[in-house]
Amino acid sequence: MDPRLSTLPLSKNASDHQSYLNAIAAQLEDENSFFREAAVIALGKQPTLPSHILQGVATQLEDKEGAIRKSTLKVLDKQPNPPDSILRAVAGRIEDEFKFIRASTITALCKQPALPDDILKTLAALLGDKHSFAQAADIEILSKQPVFPNEIVEAVAAKLDDKDDFIHAAVVEKLGK
């Protein structure tokens, strides 16, 4: 039996639940990427996570393994009302080296009802990206926000002149809402 498993409580009753989560969260620091990813996935099965464990999961966004970063994004995008620090950590992956991580980041940010202004400004700045998918995704994220500063409205509206039909259509659709 792997010694790491000996730290898990034998029962999962309510009184052991916190101990169980803590034992799983401890695996986030394991040297073996298999155990780190397994811990992220296991914690992701919880509908909500205590803030200290959520912060621990968020640290996996910096893991060198892309699969762990992607699994972490999936967990974080299911958490209701994550704190701004978590949203900023998620937004930090928007320029990840891997497209699949960038796509997961966009998915996670799109699910948030409101984003802090600094994240909105970062996304607005990325509207200059030459890739139409990235621009359309940023427009999608920005348009879902209930309120955002005028400079962001102006950045989105500036894309009305874009020659790319895909971008132009996304801007018209979103500004019309």
C-alpha atoms as a PDB file:
ATOM      1  CA  MET A   1       0.000   0.000   0.000  1.00  0.00           C
ATOM      2  CA  ASP A   2       1.305   3.438  -0.896  1.00  0.00           C
ATOM      3  CA  PRO A   3       2.235   5.327   2.311  1.00  0.00           C
ATOM      4  CA  ARG A   4       0.462   8.441   1.026  1.00  0.00           C
ATOM      5  CA  LEU A   5      -2.837   6.605   1.245  1.00  0.00           C
ATOM      6  CA  SER A   6      -2.367   5.896   4.943  1.00  0.00           C
ATOM      7  CA  THR A   7      -3.093   9.568   5.701  1.00  0.00           C
ATOM      8  CA  LEU A   8      -6.662   9.252   4.411  1.00  0.00           C
ATOM      9  CA  PRO A   9      -9.389   8.670   7.002  1.00  0.00           C
ATOM     10  CA  LEU A  10     -10.958   5.228   6.774  1.00  0.00           C
ATOM     11  CA  SER A  11     -14.525   6.511   6.891  1.00  0.00           C
ATOM     12  CA  LYS A  12     -16.156   9.377   5.079  1.00  0.00           C
ATOM     13  CA  ASN A  13     -18.773  10.395   7.650  1.00  0.00           C
ATOM     14  CA  ALA A  14     -19.459  14.082   8.224  1.00  0.00           C
ATOM     15  CA  SER A  15     -17.062  14.402  11.149  1.00  0.00           C
ATOM     16  CA  ASP A  16     -14.207  13.059   9.035  1.00  0.00           C
ATOM     17  CA  HIS A  17     -15.042  15.106   5.939  1.00  0.00           C
ATOM     18  CA  GLN A  18     -12.637  17.961   6.709  1.00  0.00           C
ATOM     19  CA  SER A  19      -9.852  15.513   7.585  1.00  0.00           C
ATOM     20  CA  TYR A  20     -10.520  13.680   4.347  1.00  0.00           C
ATOM     21  CA  LEU A  21     -10.292  16.899   2.301  1.00  0.00           C
ATOM     22  CA  ASN A  22      -7.117  17.948   4.117  1.00  0.00           C
ATOM     23  CA  ALA A  23      -5.502  14.571   3.453  1.00  0.00           C
ATOM     24  CA  ILE A  24      -6.328  14.798  -0.240  1.00  0.00           C
ATOM     25  CA  ALA A  25      -5.151  18.425  -0.395  1.00  0.00           C
ATOM     26  CA  ALA A  26      -1.812  17.368   1.100  1.00  0.00           C
ATOM     27  CA  GLN A  27      -1.227  15.348  -2.077  1.00  0.00           C
ATOM     28  CA  LEU A  28      -1.169  18.611  -4.073  1.00  0.00           C
ATOM     29  CA  GLU A  29       2.444  18.985  -2.945  1.00  0.00           C
ATOM     30  CA  ASP A  30       3.543  15.488  -3.930  1.00  0.00           C
ATOM     31  CA  GLU A  31       6.601  15.172  -6.184  1.00  0.00           C
ATOM     32  CA  ASN A  32       4.722  12.750  -8.419  1.00  0.00           C
ATOM     33  CA  SER A  33       2.514  14.556 -10.948  1.00  0.00           C
ATOM     34  CA  PHE A  34       0.127  11.582 -11.010  1.00  0.00           C
ATOM     35  CA  PHE A  35      -0.721  12.135  -7.332  1.00  0.00           C
ATOM     36  CA  ARG A  36      -1.010  15.918  -7.755  1.00  0.00           C
ATOM     37  CA  GLU A  37      -3.459  15.522 -10.622  1.00  0.00           C
ATOM     38  CA  ALA A  38      -5.411  12.802  -8.796  1.00  0.00           C
ATOM     39  CA  ALA A  39      -5.742  15.145  -5.810  1.00  0.00           C
ATOM     40  CA  VAL A  40      -6.996  17.989  -8.016  1.00  0.00           C
ATOM     41  CA  ILE A  41      -9.555  15.700  -9.650  1.00  0.00           C
ATOM     42  CA  ALA A  42     -10.695  14.237  -6.311  1.00  0.00           C
ATOM     43  CA  LEU A  43     -11.133  17.693  -4.783  1.00  0.00           C
ATOM     44  CA  GLY A  44     -13.023  18.764  -7.892  1.00  0.00           C
ATOM     45  CA  LYS A  45     -15.735  16.253  -7.063  1.00  0.00           C
ATOM     46  CA  GLN A  46     -16.752  18.412  -4.104  1.00  0.00           C
ATOM     47  CA  PRO A  47     -19.504  20.959  -4.853  1.00  0.00           C
ATOM     48  CA  THR A  48     -17.679  23.568  -2.777  1.00  0.00           C
ATOM     49  CA  LEU A  49     -14.270  23.657  -1.182  1.00  0.00           C
ATOM     50  CA  PRO A  50     -13.154  25.472   1.967  1.00  0.00           C
ATOM     51  CA  SER A  51     -11.142  28.588   1.114  1.00  0.00           C
ATOM     52  CA  HIS A  52      -7.795  27.208   2.319  1.00  0.00           C
ATOM     53  CA  ILE A  53      -8.182  24.130   0.135  1.00  0.00           C
ATOM     54  CA  LEU A  54      -9.412  26.213  -2.797  1.00  0.00           C
ATOM     55  CA  GLN A  55      -6.248  28.322  -2.494  1.00  0.00           C
ATOM     56  CA  GLY A  56      -4.175  25.132  -2.467  1.00  0.00           C
ATOM     57  CA  VAL A  57      -5.896  23.888  -5.605  1.00  0.00           C
ATOM     58  CA  ALA A  58      -5.309  27.266  -7.286  1.00  0.00           C
ATOM     59  CA  THR A  59      -1.553  26.904  -6.755  1.00  0.00           C
ATOM     60  CA  GLN A  60      -1.703  24.032  -9.247  1.00  0.00           C
ATOM     61  CA  LEU A  61      -2.326  26.596 -11.997  1.00  0.00           C
ATOM     62  CA  GLU A  62       1.440  27.119 -11.884  1.00  0.00           C
ATOM     63  CA  ASP A  63       2.271  23.412 -12.189  1.00  0.00           C
ATOM     64  CA  LYS A  64       4.727  22.569 -14.964  1.00  0.00           C
ATOM     65  CA  GLU A  65       2.361  19.858 -16.251  1.00  0.00           C
ATOM     66  CA  GLY A  66      -0.289  21.171 -18.646  1.00  0.00           C
ATOM     67  CA  ALA A  67      -2.707  18.364 -17.747  1.00  0.00           C
ATOM     68  CA  ILE A  68      -2.633  19.439 -14.103  1.00  0.00           C
ATOM     69  CA  ARG A  69      -3.256  23.073 -15.040  1.00  0.00           C
ATOM     70  CA  LYS A  70      -6.213  22.013 -17.195  1.00  0.00           C
ATOM     71  CA  SER A  71      -7.683  19.820 -14.434  1.00  0.00           C
ATOM     72  CA  THR A  72      -7.233  22.699 -11.997  1.00  0.00           C
ATOM     73  CA  LEU A  73      -9.114  25.081 -14.286  1.00  0.00           C
ATOM     74  CA  LYS A  74     -11.990  22.579 -14.514  1.00  0.00           C
ATOM     75  CA  VAL A  75     -12.180  22.408 -10.718  1.00  0.00           C
ATOM     76  CA  LEU A  76     -12.016  26.170 -10.248  1.00  0.00           C
ATOM     77  CA  ASP A  77     -14.651  26.929 -12.876  1.00  0.00           C
ATOM     78  CA  LYS A  78     -17.157  24.809 -10.901  1.00  0.00           C
ATOM     79  CA  GLN A  79     -16.650  26.632  -7.616  1.00  0.00           C
ATOM     80  CA  PRO A  80     -19.415  29.128  -6.842  1.00  0.00           C
ATOM     81  CA  ASN A  81     -18.258  32.718  -6.343  1.00  0.00           C
ATOM     82  CA  PRO A  82     -14.513  32.186  -6.104  1.00  0.00           C
ATOM     83  CA  PRO A  83     -12.596  35.056  -4.484  1.00  0.00           C
ATOM     84  CA  ASP A  84     -10.905  37.644  -6.696  1.00  0.00           C
ATOM     85  CA  SER A  85      -7.489  36.140  -5.926  1.00  0.00           C
ATOM     86  CA  ILE A  86      -8.615  32.860  -7.515  1.00  0.00           C
ATOM     87  CA  LEU A  87     -10.101  34.668 -10.517  1.00  0.00           C
ATOM     88  CA  ARG A  88      -6.816  36.532 -10.999  1.00  0.00           C
ATOM     89  CA  ALA A  89      -4.899  33.247 -10.848  1.00  0.00           C
ATOM     90  CA  VAL A  90      -7.254  31.775 -13.463  1.00  0.00           C
ATOM     91  CA  ALA A  91      -6.916  34.861 -15.683  1.00  0.00           C
ATOM     92  CA  GLY A  92      -3.147  34.495 -15.422  1.00  0.00           C
ATOM     93  CA  ARG A  93      -3.403  31.393 -17.623  1.00  0.00           C
ATOM     94  CA  ILE A  94      -4.971  33.338 -20.533  1.00  0.00           C
ATOM     95  CA  GLU A  95      -1.548  33.514 -22.172  1.00  0.00           C
ATOM     96  CA  ASP A  96      -0.460  29.954 -21.320  1.00  0.00           C
ATOM     97  CA  GLU A  97       1.886  28.275 -23.788  1.00  0.00           C
ATOM     98  CA  PHE A  98      -0.745  25.622 -24.576  1.00  0.00           C
ATOM     99  CA  LYS A  99      -3.907  26.416 -26.541  1.00  0.00           C
ATOM    100  CA  PHE A 100      -5.951  23.883 -24.584  1.00  0.00           C
ATOM    101  CA  ILE A 101      -5.080  25.715 -21.352  1.00  0.00           C
ATOM    102  CA  ARG A 102      -6.004  29.070 -22.881  1.00  0.00           C
ATOM    103  CA  ALA A 103      -9.329  27.583 -24.033  1.00  0.00           C
ATOM    104  CA  SER A 104     -10.013  26.165 -20.542  1.00  0.00           C
ATOM    105  CA  THR A 105      -9.161  29.560 -19.054  1.00  0.00           C
ATOM    106  CA  ILE A 106     -11.663  31.268 -21.337  1.00  0.00           C
ATOM    107  CA  THR A 107     -14.306  28.686 -20.414  1.00  0.00           C
ATOM    108  CA  ALA A 108     -13.683  29.244 -16.704  1.00  0.00           C
ATOM    109  CA  LEU A 109     -13.831  33.033 -16.995  1.00  0.00           C
ATOM    110  CA  CYS A 110     -17.005  32.905 -19.116  1.00  0.00           C
ATOM    111  CA  LYS A 111     -18.783  31.098 -16.278  1.00  0.00           C
ATOM    112  CA  GLN A 112     -18.189  33.937 -13.823  1.00  0.00           C
ATOM    113  CA  PRO A 113     -21.054  36.402 -13.393  1.00  0.00           C
ATOM    114  CA  ALA A 114     -18.669  39.258 -12.583  1.00  0.00           C
ATOM    115  CA  LEU A 115     -14.926  39.776 -12.909  1.00  0.00           C
ATOM    116  CA  PRO A 116     -12.724  42.373 -11.190  1.00  0.00           C
ATOM    117  CA  ASP A 117     -11.898  45.478 -13.260  1.00  0.00           C
ATOM    118  CA  ASP A 118      -8.206  44.584 -13.541  1.00  0.00           C
ATOM    119  CA  ILE A 119      -9.092  41.270 -15.219  1.00  0.00           C
ATOM    120  CA  LEU A 120     -11.528  43.030 -17.550  1.00  0.00           C
ATOM    121  CA  LYS A 121      -8.809  45.511 -18.516  1.00  0.00           C
ATOM    122  CA  THR A 122      -6.352  42.692 -19.187  1.00  0.00           C
ATOM    123  CA  LEU A 123      -8.889  40.985 -21.429  1.00  0.00           C
ATOM    124  CA  ALA A 124      -9.643  44.254 -23.224  1.00  0.00           C
ATOM    125  CA  ALA A 125      -5.920  44.724 -23.863  1.00  0.00           C
ATOM    126  CA  LEU A 126      -5.799  41.261 -25.421  1.00  0.00           C
ATOM    127  CA  LEU A 127      -8.371  42.305 -28.014  1.00  0.00           C
ATOM    128  CA  GLY A 128      -5.371  43.330 -30.106  1.00  0.00           C
ATOM    129  CA  ASP A 129      -4.362  39.655 -30.396  1.00  0.00           C
ATOM    130  CA  LYS A 130      -4.083  38.694 -34.034  1.00  0.00           C
ATOM    131  CA  HIS A 131      -5.946  35.404 -33.542  1.00  0.00           C
ATOM    132  CA  SER A 132      -9.656  35.820 -34.198  1.00  0.00           C
ATOM    133  CA  PHE A 133     -10.634  33.029 -31.797  1.00  0.00           C
ATOM    134  CA  ALA A 134      -8.844  34.778 -28.933  1.00  0.00           C
ATOM    135  CA  GLN A 135     -10.492  38.090 -29.788  1.00  0.00           C
ATOM    136  CA  ALA A 136     -13.957  36.544 -30.063  1.00  0.00           C
ATOM    137  CA  ALA A 137     -13.467  34.690 -26.773  1.00  0.00           C
ATOM    138  CA  ASP A 138     -12.397  37.895 -25.029  1.00  0.00           C
ATOM    139  CA  ILE A 139     -15.450  39.670 -26.436  1.00  0.00           C
ATOM    140  CA  GLU A 140     -17.619  36.807 -25.153  1.00  0.00           C
ATOM    141  CA  ILE A 141     -16.152  37.053 -21.643  1.00  0.00           C
ATOM    142  CA  LEU A 142     -16.382  40.831 -21.534  1.00  0.00           C
ATOM    143  CA  SER A 143     -19.949  40.913 -22.826  1.00  0.00           C
ATOM    144  CA  LYS A 144     -21.178  38.627 -20.038  1.00  0.00           C
ATOM    145  CA  GLN A 145     -20.151  41.093 -17.361  1.00  0.00           C
ATOM    146  CA  PRO A 146     -23.028  43.057 -15.816  1.00  0.00           C
ATOM    147  CA  VAL A 147     -21.065  46.324 -15.696  1.00  0.00           C
ATOM    148  CA  PHE A 148     -17.683  47.350 -16.983  1.00  0.00           C
ATOM    149  CA  PRO A 149     -15.722  50.582 -17.381  1.00  0.00           C
ATOM    150  CA  ASN A 150     -16.194  52.802 -20.440  1.00  0.00           C
ATOM    151  CA  GLU A 151     -12.662  52.084 -21.656  1.00  0.00           C
ATOM    152  CA  ILE A 152     -13.623  48.429 -22.041  1.00  0.00           C
ATOM    153  CA  VAL A 153     -16.813  49.290 -23.928  1.00  0.00           C
ATOM    154  CA  GLU A 154     -14.650  51.455 -26.197  1.00  0.00           C
ATOM    155  CA  ALA A 155     -12.123  48.635 -26.732  1.00  0.00           C
ATOM    156  CA  VAL A 156     -14.907  46.233 -27.725  1.00  0.00           C
ATOM    157  CA  ALA A 157     -16.636  48.850 -29.895  1.00  0.00           C
ATOM    158  CA  ALA A 158     -13.333  49.579 -31.663  1.00  0.00           C
ATOM    159  CA  LYS A 159     -13.497  46.049 -33.024  1.00  0.00           C
ATOM    160  CA  LEU A 160     -16.567  47.030 -35.084  1.00  0.00           C
ATOM    161  CA  ASP A 161     -14.121  48.047 -37.802  1.00  0.00           C
ATOM    162  CA  ASP A 162     -12.384  44.665 -37.773  1.00  0.00           C
ATOM    163  CA  LYS A 163     -12.017  43.119 -41.226  1.00  0.00           C
ATOM    164  CA  ASP A 164     -12.497  39.610 -39.852  1.00  0.00           C
ATOM    165  CA  ASP A 165     -16.174  38.668 -40.261  1.00  0.00           C
ATOM    166  CA  PHE A 166     -15.998  36.379 -37.223  1.00  0.00           C
ATOM    167  CA  ILE A 167     -14.820  39.229 -34.967  1.00  0.00           C
ATOM    168  CA  HIS A 168     -17.190  41.773 -36.487  1.00  0.00           C
ATOM    169  CA  ALA A 169     -20.179  39.463 -35.922  1.00  0.00           C
ATOM    170  CA  ALA A 170     -19.145  38.780 -32.309  1.00  0.00           C
ATOM    171  CA  VAL A 171     -18.884  42.509 -31.565  1.00  0.00           C
ATOM    172  CA  VAL A 172     -22.241  43.342 -33.149  1.00  0.00           C
ATOM    173  CA  GLU A 173     -23.939  40.492 -31.292  1.00  0.00           C
ATOM    174  CA  LYS A 174     -22.437  41.420 -27.937  1.00  0.00           C
ATOM    175  CA  LEU A 175     -22.929  45.170 -28.179  1.00  0.00           C
ATOM    176  CA  GLY A 176     -26.551  44.527 -29.106  1.00  0.00           C
ATOM    177  CA  LYS A 177     -27.237  42.838 -25.772  1.00  0.00           C
END
